[in-house]
PDB file of N, CA and C in Angstrom:
ATOM      1  N   UNK A   1       8.286   7.315  31.261  1.00  0.00           N
ATOM      2  CA  UNK A   1       7.704   7.359  29.672  1.00  0.00           C
ATOM      3  C   UNK A   1       9.115   7.671  29.030  1.00  0.00           C
ATOM      4  N   UNK A   2       9.311   6.575  27.634  1.00  0.00           N
ATOM      5  CA  UNK A   2      10.378   6.891  26.693  1.00  0.00           C
ATOM      6  C   UNK A   2      10.290   8.161  25.907  1.00  0.00           C
ATOM      7  N   UNK A   3      10.934   8.592  25.465  1.00  0.00           N
ATOM      8  CA  UNK A   3      11.157   9.752  24.514  1.00  0.00           C
ATOM      9  C   UNK A   3      11.016   9.147  23.283  1.00  0.00           C
ATOM     10  N   UNK A   4       9.993   9.803  22.332  1.00  0.00           N
ATOM     11  CA  UNK A   4      10.093   9.279  21.035  1.00  0.00           C
ATOM     12  C   UNK A   4      11.518   9.439  20.101  1.00  0.00           C
ATOM     13  N   UNK A   5      11.780   8.407  19.548  1.00  0.00           N
ATOM     14  CA  UNK A   5      12.974   8.848  18.721  1.00  0.00           C
ATOM     15  C   UNK A   5      12.630   9.111  17.315  1.00  0.00           C
ATOM     16  N   UNK A   6      13.437  10.411  17.089  1.00  0.00           N
ATOM     17  CA  UNK A   6      13.295  11.177  15.646  1.00  0.00           C
ATOM     18  C   UNK A   6      13.827  10.243  14.681  1.00  0.00           C
ATOM     19  N   UNK A   7      13.165   9.865  13.740  1.00  0.00           N
ATOM     20  CA  UNK A   7      13.717   9.231  12.519  1.00  0.00           C
ATOM     21  C   UNK A   7      13.850  10.140  11.512  1.00  0.00           C
ATOM     22  N   UNK A   8      14.855  10.347  10.691  1.00  0.00           N
ATOM     23  CA  UNK A   8      15.282  11.185   9.611  1.00  0.00           C
ATOM     24  C   UNK A   8      14.198  10.881   8.298  1.00  0.00           C
ATOM     25  N   UNK A   9      13.855  11.719   7.420  1.00  0.00           N
ATOM     26  CA  UNK A   9      13.074  11.664   6.416  1.00  0.00           C
ATOM     27  C   UNK A   9      14.010  10.690   5.502  1.00  0.00           C
ATOM     28  N   UNK A  10      13.157   9.630   4.726  1.00  0.00           N
ATOM     29  CA  UNK A  10      13.910   9.015   3.376  1.00  0.00           C
ATOM     30  C   UNK A  10      13.791  10.124   2.320  1.00  0.00           C
ATOM     31  N   UNK A  11      14.649   9.902   1.293  1.00  0.00           N
ATOM     32  CA  UNK A  11      14.714  10.824   0.093  1.00  0.00           C
ATOM     33  C   UNK A  11      13.391  11.116  -0.351  1.00  0.00           C
ATOM     34  N   UNK A  12      12.357   9.992  -0.627  1.00  0.00           N
ATOM     35  CA  UNK A  12      11.160  10.089  -1.127  1.00  0.00           C
ATOM     36  C   UNK A  12      10.232  11.003  -0.135  1.00  0.00           C
ATOM     37  N   UNK A  13      10.234  11.206   0.939  1.00  0.00           N
ATOM     38  CA  UNK A  13       9.583  12.097   1.840  1.00  0.00           C
ATOM     39  C   UNK A  13      10.059  13.308   1.578  1.00  0.00           C
ATOM     40  N   UNK A  14      11.374  13.537   1.743  1.00  0.00           N
ATOM     41  CA  UNK A  14      12.014  14.983   1.369  1.00  0.00           C
ATOM     42  C   UNK A  14      11.716  15.625  -0.105  1.00  0.00           C
ATOM     43  N   UNK A  15      11.406  14.388  -0.974  1.00  0.00           N
ATOM     44  CA  UNK A  15      11.136  15.171  -2.352  1.00  0.00           C
ATOM     45  C   UNK A  15       9.971  15.445  -2.416  1.00  0.00           C
ATOM     46  N   UNK A  16       8.922  14.888  -1.704  1.00  0.00           N
ATOM     47  CA  UNK A  16       7.561  14.932  -1.737  1.00  0.00           C
ATOM     48  C   UNK A  16       7.157  16.361  -1.043  1.00  0.00           C
ATOM     49  N   UNK A  17       7.772  16.436   0.144  1.00  0.00           N
ATOM     50  CA  UNK A  17       7.907  17.779   1.004  1.00  0.00           C
ATOM     51  C   UNK A  17       8.191  19.144   0.028  1.00  0.00           C
ATOM     52  N   UNK A  18       9.158  18.871  -0.782  1.00  0.00           N
ATOM     53  CA  UNK A  18       9.631  19.828  -1.834  1.00  0.00           C
ATOM     54  C   UNK A  18       8.603  20.300  -2.731  1.00  0.00           C
ATOM     55  N   UNK A  19       7.906  18.911  -3.187  1.00  0.00           N
ATOM     56  CA  UNK A  19       6.732  19.183  -4.529  1.00  0.00           C
ATOM     57  C   UNK A  19       5.318  19.924  -3.684  1.00  0.00           C
ATOM     58  N   UNK A  20       5.177  19.761  -2.272  1.00  0.00           N
ATOM     59  CA  UNK A  20       4.220  20.171  -1.910  1.00  0.00           C
ATOM     60  C   UNK A  20       4.266  21.527  -1.528  1.00  0.00           C
ATOM     61  N   UNK A  21       5.363  22.002  -1.344  1.00  0.00           N
ATOM     62  CA  UNK A  21       5.394  23.203  -1.008  1.00  0.00           C
ATOM     63  C   UNK A  21       5.116  24.325  -2.157  1.00  0.00           C
ATOM     64  N   UNK A  22       4.909  23.848  -3.297  1.00  0.00           N
ATOM     65  CA  UNK A  22       4.274  24.592  -4.614  1.00  0.00           C
ATOM     66  C   UNK A  22       2.823  24.241  -4.630  1.00  0.00           C
ATOM     67  N   UNK A  23       2.331  23.412  -3.984  1.00  0.00           N
ATOM     68  CA  UNK A  23       0.989  23.187  -4.141  1.00  0.00           C
ATOM     69  C   UNK A  23       0.167  24.139  -3.105  1.00  0.00           C
ATOM     70  N   UNK A  24      -0.686  25.117  -3.784  1.00  0.00           N
ATOM     71  CA  UNK A  24      -1.362  26.225  -2.976  1.00  0.00           C
ATOM     72  C   UNK A  24      -2.874  26.368  -2.944  1.00  0.00           C
ATOM     73  N   UNK A  25      -3.506  25.455  -3.761  1.00  0.00           N
ATOM     74  CA  UNK A  25      -4.860  25.321  -3.648  1.00  0.00           C
ATOM     75  C   UNK A  25      -5.323  24.043  -3.454  1.00  0.00           C
ATOM     76  N   UNK A  26      -6.525  23.678  -3.030  1.00  0.00           N
ATOM     77  CA  UNK A  26      -7.127  22.355  -2.916  1.00  0.00           C
ATOM     78  C   UNK A  26      -7.316  21.537  -3.757  1.00  0.00           C
ATOM     79  N   UNK A  27      -7.453  22.379  -5.192  1.00  0.00           N
ATOM     80  CA  UNK A  27      -7.801  21.410  -6.375  1.00  0.00           C
ATOM     81  C   UNK A  27      -6.283  20.784  -6.909  1.00  0.00           C
ATOM     82  N   UNK A  28      -5.415  21.702  -6.879  1.00  0.00           N
ATOM     83  CA  UNK A  28      -3.680  21.129  -6.857  1.00  0.00           C
ATOM     84  C   UNK A  28      -3.443  19.850  -6.049  1.00  0.00           C
ATOM     85  N   UNK A  29      -3.954  19.954  -4.755  1.00  0.00           N
ATOM     86  CA  UNK A  29      -3.706  18.972  -3.813  1.00  0.00           C
ATOM     87  C   UNK A  29      -4.421  17.941  -4.050  1.00  0.00           C
ATOM     88  N   UNK A  30      -5.597  17.959  -4.462  1.00  0.00           N
ATOM     89  CA  UNK A  30      -6.415  16.644  -4.717  1.00  0.00           C
ATOM     90  C   UNK A  30      -5.839  15.983  -6.108  1.00  0.00           C
ATOM     91  N   UNK A  31      -5.338  17.007  -6.890  1.00  0.00           N
ATOM     92  CA  UNK A  31      -4.670  16.172  -8.336  1.00  0.00           C
ATOM     93  C   UNK A  31      -3.413  15.658  -7.995  1.00  0.00           C
ATOM     94  N   UNK A  32      -2.772  16.064  -7.037  1.00  0.00           N
ATOM     95  CA  UNK A  32      -1.340  15.656  -6.592  1.00  0.00           C
ATOM     96  C   UNK A  32      -1.683  14.187  -5.942  1.00  0.00           C
ATOM     97  N   UNK A  33      -2.668  13.986  -4.901  1.00  0.00           N
ATOM     98  CA  UNK A  33      -3.186  13.060  -4.352  1.00  0.00           C
ATOM     99  C   UNK A  33      -3.534  11.946  -5.206  1.00  0.00           C
ATOM    100  N   UNK A  34      -4.166  12.336  -6.022  1.00  0.00           N
ATOM    101  CA  UNK A  34      -4.842  11.253  -7.245  1.00  0.00           C
ATOM    102  C   UNK A  34      -3.742  10.601  -7.952  1.00  0.00           C
ATOM    103  N   UNK A  35      -2.557  11.376  -8.220  1.00  0.00           N
ATOM    104  CA  UNK A  35      -1.397  10.995  -9.026  1.00  0.00           C
ATOM    105  C   UNK A  35      -0.601   9.945  -8.481  1.00  0.00           C
ATOM    106  N   UNK A  36      -0.452  10.472  -6.751  1.00  0.00           N
ATOM    107  CA  UNK A  36       0.195   9.506  -5.905  1.00  0.00           C
ATOM    108  C   UNK A  36      -0.501   8.290  -5.897  1.00  0.00           C
ATOM    109  N   UNK A  37      -1.898   8.261  -5.750  1.00  0.00           N
ATOM    110  CA  UNK A  37      -2.588   6.877  -5.286  1.00  0.00           C
ATOM    111  C   UNK A  37      -2.669   6.170  -6.533  1.00  0.00           C
ATOM    112  N   UNK A  38      -2.825   6.568  -7.670  1.00  0.00           N
ATOM    113  CA  UNK A  38      -2.658   5.812  -9.039  1.00  0.00           C
ATOM    114  C   UNK A  38      -1.437   5.146  -9.096  1.00  0.00           C
ATOM    115  N   UNK A  39      -0.549   5.979  -8.764  1.00  0.00           N
ATOM    116  CA  UNK A  39       1.123   5.258  -8.620  1.00  0.00           C
ATOM    117  C   UNK A  39       1.291   3.995  -7.674  1.00  0.00           C
ATOM    118  N   UNK A  40       0.550   3.924  -6.717  1.00  0.00           N
ATOM    119  CA  UNK A  40       0.658   3.036  -5.614  1.00  0.00           C
ATOM    120  C   UNK A  40      -0.366   2.098  -6.023  1.00  0.00           C
ATOM    121  N   UNK A  41      -1.377   2.431  -6.337  1.00  0.00           N
ATOM    122  CA  UNK A  41      -2.232   1.314  -6.889  1.00  0.00           C
ATOM    123  C   UNK A  41      -1.686   0.213  -8.168  1.00  0.00           C
ATOM    124  N   UNK A  42      -1.001   1.170  -8.932  1.00  0.00           N
ATOM    125  CA  UNK A  42      -0.251   0.438  -9.971  1.00  0.00           C
ATOM    126  C   UNK A  42       0.549  -0.455  -9.232  1.00  0.00           C
ATOM    127  N   UNK A  43       1.568   0.075  -8.401  1.00  0.00           N
ATOM    128  CA  UNK A  43       2.350  -0.922  -7.783  1.00  0.00           C
ATOM    129  C   UNK A  43       1.963  -1.966  -6.880  1.00  0.00           C
ATOM    130  N   UNK A  44       0.719  -1.845  -6.345  1.00  0.00           N
ATOM    131  CA  UNK A  44       0.019  -3.153  -5.803  1.00  0.00           C
ATOM    132  C   UNK A  44      -0.510  -4.086  -6.574  1.00  0.00           C
ATOM    133  N   UNK A  45      -1.180  -3.662  -7.881  1.00  0.00           N
ATOM    134  CA  UNK A  45      -1.532  -4.459  -8.798  1.00  0.00           C
ATOM    135  C   UNK A  45      -0.173  -5.075  -9.445  1.00  0.00           C
ATOM    136  N   UNK A  46       0.936  -4.887  -9.622  1.00  0.00           N
ATOM    137  CA  UNK A  46       2.067  -5.357 -10.139  1.00  0.00           C
ATOM    138  C   UNK A  46       2.519  -6.328  -9.237  1.00  0.00           C
ATOM    139  N   UNK A  47       2.501  -6.193  -7.628  1.00  0.00           N
ATOM    140  CA  UNK A  47       3.035  -7.056  -6.986  1.00  0.00           C
ATOM    141  C   UNK A  47       1.914  -8.363  -6.747  1.00  0.00           C
ATOM    142  N   UNK A  48       0.687  -7.949  -6.837  1.00  0.00           N
ATOM    143  CA  UNK A  48      -0.536  -8.820  -6.715  1.00  0.00           C
ATOM    144  C   UNK A  48      -0.427  -9.780  -8.040  1.00  0.00           C
ATOM    145  N   UNK A  49       0.083  -9.424  -9.188  1.00  0.00           N
ATOM    146  CA  UNK A  49       0.314 -10.049 -10.339  1.00  0.00           C
ATOM    147  C   UNK A  49       1.565 -10.943 -10.244  1.00  0.00           C
ATOM    148  N   UNK A  50       2.348 -10.459  -9.623  1.00  0.00           N
ATOM    149  CA  UNK A  50       3.809 -11.129  -9.510  1.00  0.00           C
ATOM    150  C   UNK A  50       3.303 -12.429  -8.796  1.00  0.00           C
ATOM    151  N   UNK A  51       2.819 -12.308  -7.295  1.00  0.00           N
ATOM    152  CA  UNK A  51       2.532 -13.137  -6.716  1.00  0.00           C
ATOM    153  C   UNK A  51       1.530 -14.370  -7.113  1.00  0.00           C
ATOM    154  N   UNK A  52       0.445 -14.024  -7.912  1.00  0.00           N
ATOM    155  CA  UNK A  52      -0.150 -14.781  -8.703  1.00  0.00           C
ATOM    156  C   UNK A  52       0.433 -15.700  -9.253  1.00  0.00           C
ATOM    157  N   UNK A  53       1.247 -15.241 -10.077  1.00  0.00           N
ATOM    158  CA  UNK A  53       1.928 -16.090 -11.237  1.00  0.00           C
ATOM    159  C   UNK A  53       3.088 -17.138 -10.256  1.00  0.00           C
ATOM    160  N   UNK A  54       3.679 -16.440  -9.434  1.00  0.00           N
ATOM    161  CA  UNK A  54       4.890 -17.033  -8.406  1.00  0.00           C
ATOM    162  C   UNK A  54       4.213 -18.324  -7.629  1.00  0.00           C
ATOM    163  N   UNK A  55       2.988 -18.179  -6.998  1.00  0.00           N
ATOM    164  CA  UNK A  55       2.195 -19.261  -6.480  1.00  0.00           C
ATOM    165  C   UNK A  55       1.682 -20.090  -7.285  1.00  0.00           C
ATOM    166  N   UNK A  56       1.255 -19.724  -8.433  1.00  0.00           N
ATOM    167  CA  UNK A  56       0.363 -20.520  -9.269  1.00  0.00           C
ATOM    168  C   UNK A  56      -0.959 -20.561  -9.075  1.00  0.00           C
ATOM    169  N   UNK A  57      -1.480 -19.554  -8.661  1.00  0.00           N
ATOM    170  CA  UNK A  57      -2.737 -19.383  -8.293  1.00  0.00           C
ATOM    171  C   UNK A  57      -3.513 -19.283  -9.694  1.00  0.00           C
ATOM    172  N   UNK A  58      -5.124 -19.378  -9.287  1.00  0.00           N
ATOM    173  CA  UNK A  58      -6.025 -19.295 -10.209  1.00  0.00           C
ATOM    174  C   UNK A  58      -7.117 -19.048  -9.598  1.00  0.00           C
ATOM    175  N   UNK A  59      -8.321 -18.628 -10.391  1.00  0.00           N
ATOM    176  CA  UNK A  59      -9.549 -18.484  -9.695  1.00  0.00           C
ATOM    177  C   UNK A  59     -10.243 -19.647  -8.797  1.00  0.00           C
ATOM    178  N   UNK A  60      -9.818 -20.767  -9.294  1.00  0.00           N
ATOM    179  CA  UNK A  60     -10.217 -21.823  -8.233  1.00  0.00           C
ATOM    180  C   UNK A  60      -9.301 -21.834  -6.888  1.00  0.00           C
ATOM    181  N   UNK A  61      -8.175 -21.303  -6.974  1.00  0.00           N
ATOM    182  CA  UNK A  61      -7.413 -21.301  -5.663  1.00  0.00           C
ATOM    183  C   UNK A  61      -8.210 -20.067  -5.056  1.00  0.00           C
ATOM    184  N   UNK A  62      -8.671 -19.135  -5.503  1.00  0.00           N
ATOM    185  CA  UNK A  62      -9.272 -17.806  -4.695  1.00  0.00           C
ATOM    186  C   UNK A  62     -10.519 -18.482  -4.076  1.00  0.00           C
ATOM    187  N   UNK A  63     -11.348 -19.185  -4.799  1.00  0.00           N
ATOM    188  CA  UNK A  63     -12.636 -19.727  -4.484  1.00  0.00           C
ATOM    189  C   UNK A  63     -12.284 -20.691  -2.926  1.00  0.00           C
ATOM    190  N   UNK A  64     -11.351 -21.580  -3.388  1.00  0.00           N
ATOM    191  CA  UNK A  64     -10.744 -22.425  -2.100  1.00  0.00           C
ATOM    192  C   UNK A  64     -10.335 -21.585  -1.039  1.00  0.00           C
ATOM    193  N   UNK A  65      -9.464 -20.645  -1.172  1.00  0.00           N
ATOM    194  CA  UNK A  65      -9.042 -19.567  -0.215  1.00  0.00           C
ATOM    195  C   UNK A  65     -10.223 -18.886   0.622  1.00  0.00           C
ATOM    196  N   UNK A  66     -11.431 -18.496  -0.011  1.00  0.00           N
ATOM    197  CA  UNK A  66     -12.392 -17.803   0.347  1.00  0.00           C
ATOM    198  C   UNK A  66     -13.170 -18.551   1.475  1.00  0.00           C
ATOM    199  N   UNK A  67     -13.343 -20.048   0.919  1.00  0.00           N
ATOM    200  CA  UNK A  67     -13.944 -20.820   2.025  1.00  0.00           C
ATOM    201  C   UNK A  67     -13.281 -21.449   3.189  1.00  0.00           C
ATOM    202  N   UNK A  68     -11.791 -20.951   3.124  1.00  0.00           N
ATOM    203  CA  UNK A  68     -11.062 -21.972   3.964  1.00  0.00           C
ATOM    204  C   UNK A  68     -11.002 -21.032   5.709  1.00  0.00           C
ATOM    205  N   UNK A  69     -10.917 -22.008   6.534  1.00  0.00           N
ATOM    206  CA  UNK A  69     -11.030 -21.638   7.819  1.00  0.00           C
ATOM    207  C   UNK A  69      -9.551 -21.626   8.424  1.00  0.00           C
ATOM    208  N   UNK A  70      -8.687 -20.543   8.740  1.00  0.00           N
ATOM    209  CA  UNK A  70      -7.390 -20.549   9.226  1.00  0.00           C
ATOM    210  C   UNK A  70      -7.432 -20.408  10.853  1.00  0.00           C
ATOM    211  N   UNK A  71      -8.333 -20.197  11.266  1.00  0.00           N
ATOM    212  CA  UNK A  71      -8.285 -19.832  12.556  1.00  0.00           C
ATOM    213  C   UNK A  71      -8.134 -20.995  13.808  1.00  0.00           C
ATOM    214  N   UNK A  72      -7.381 -20.969  14.577  1.00  0.00           N
ATOM    215  CA  UNK A  72      -6.885 -21.962  15.301  1.00  0.00           C
ATOM    216  C   UNK A  72      -8.303 -22.171  16.372  1.00  0.00           C
ATOM    217  N   UNK A  73      -8.691 -23.495  16.573  1.00  0.00           N
ATOM    218  CA  UNK A  73     -10.180 -23.761  17.253  1.00  0.00           C
ATOM    219  C   UNK A  73      -9.873 -23.391  18.610  1.00  0.00           C
ATOM    220  N   UNK A  74     -10.631 -22.882  19.344  1.00  0.00           N
ATOM    221  CA  UNK A  74     -10.720 -22.507  20.824  1.00  0.00           C
ATOM    222  C   UNK A  74     -10.934 -23.632  21.539  1.00  0.00           C
ATOM    223  N   UNK A  75     -10.292 -23.928  22.483  1.00  0.00           N
ATOM    224  CA  UNK A  75     -10.640 -24.989  23.234  1.00  0.00           C
ATOM    225  C   UNK A  75     -10.571 -24.390  24.608  1.00  0.00           C
ATOM    226  N   UNK A  76     -11.623 -25.005  25.527  1.00  0.00           N
ATOM    227  CA  UNK A  76     -11.880 -24.460  26.848  1.00  0.00           C
ATOM    228  C   UNK A  76     -10.846 -24.970  27.817  1.00  0.00           C
TER     229      UNK A  76
END
C-alpha cells in the first residue's frame, strides 16, 4: 500500500486556520461558515453569469438542454 503524500497547505488554508483559532463558540463558527458560504456562492454566480454570456445562452437554451439526451446508447 502506498503512503499518502503530504500536501502543504496553500496560503488561503493557512489564513483560515489562523482565523479559526479565534473562533471559540458555536455561534461564531456558524457566522463564519455563513460568510464563507456567501463568498463562494457569489463566486459561483459570477462564473455562471460569465459562462452564460460567453456561450450566448438563453432561457430557450436551458429548456433545450433540460430535454436533451447525452448518454451513449447501450448496445448488446
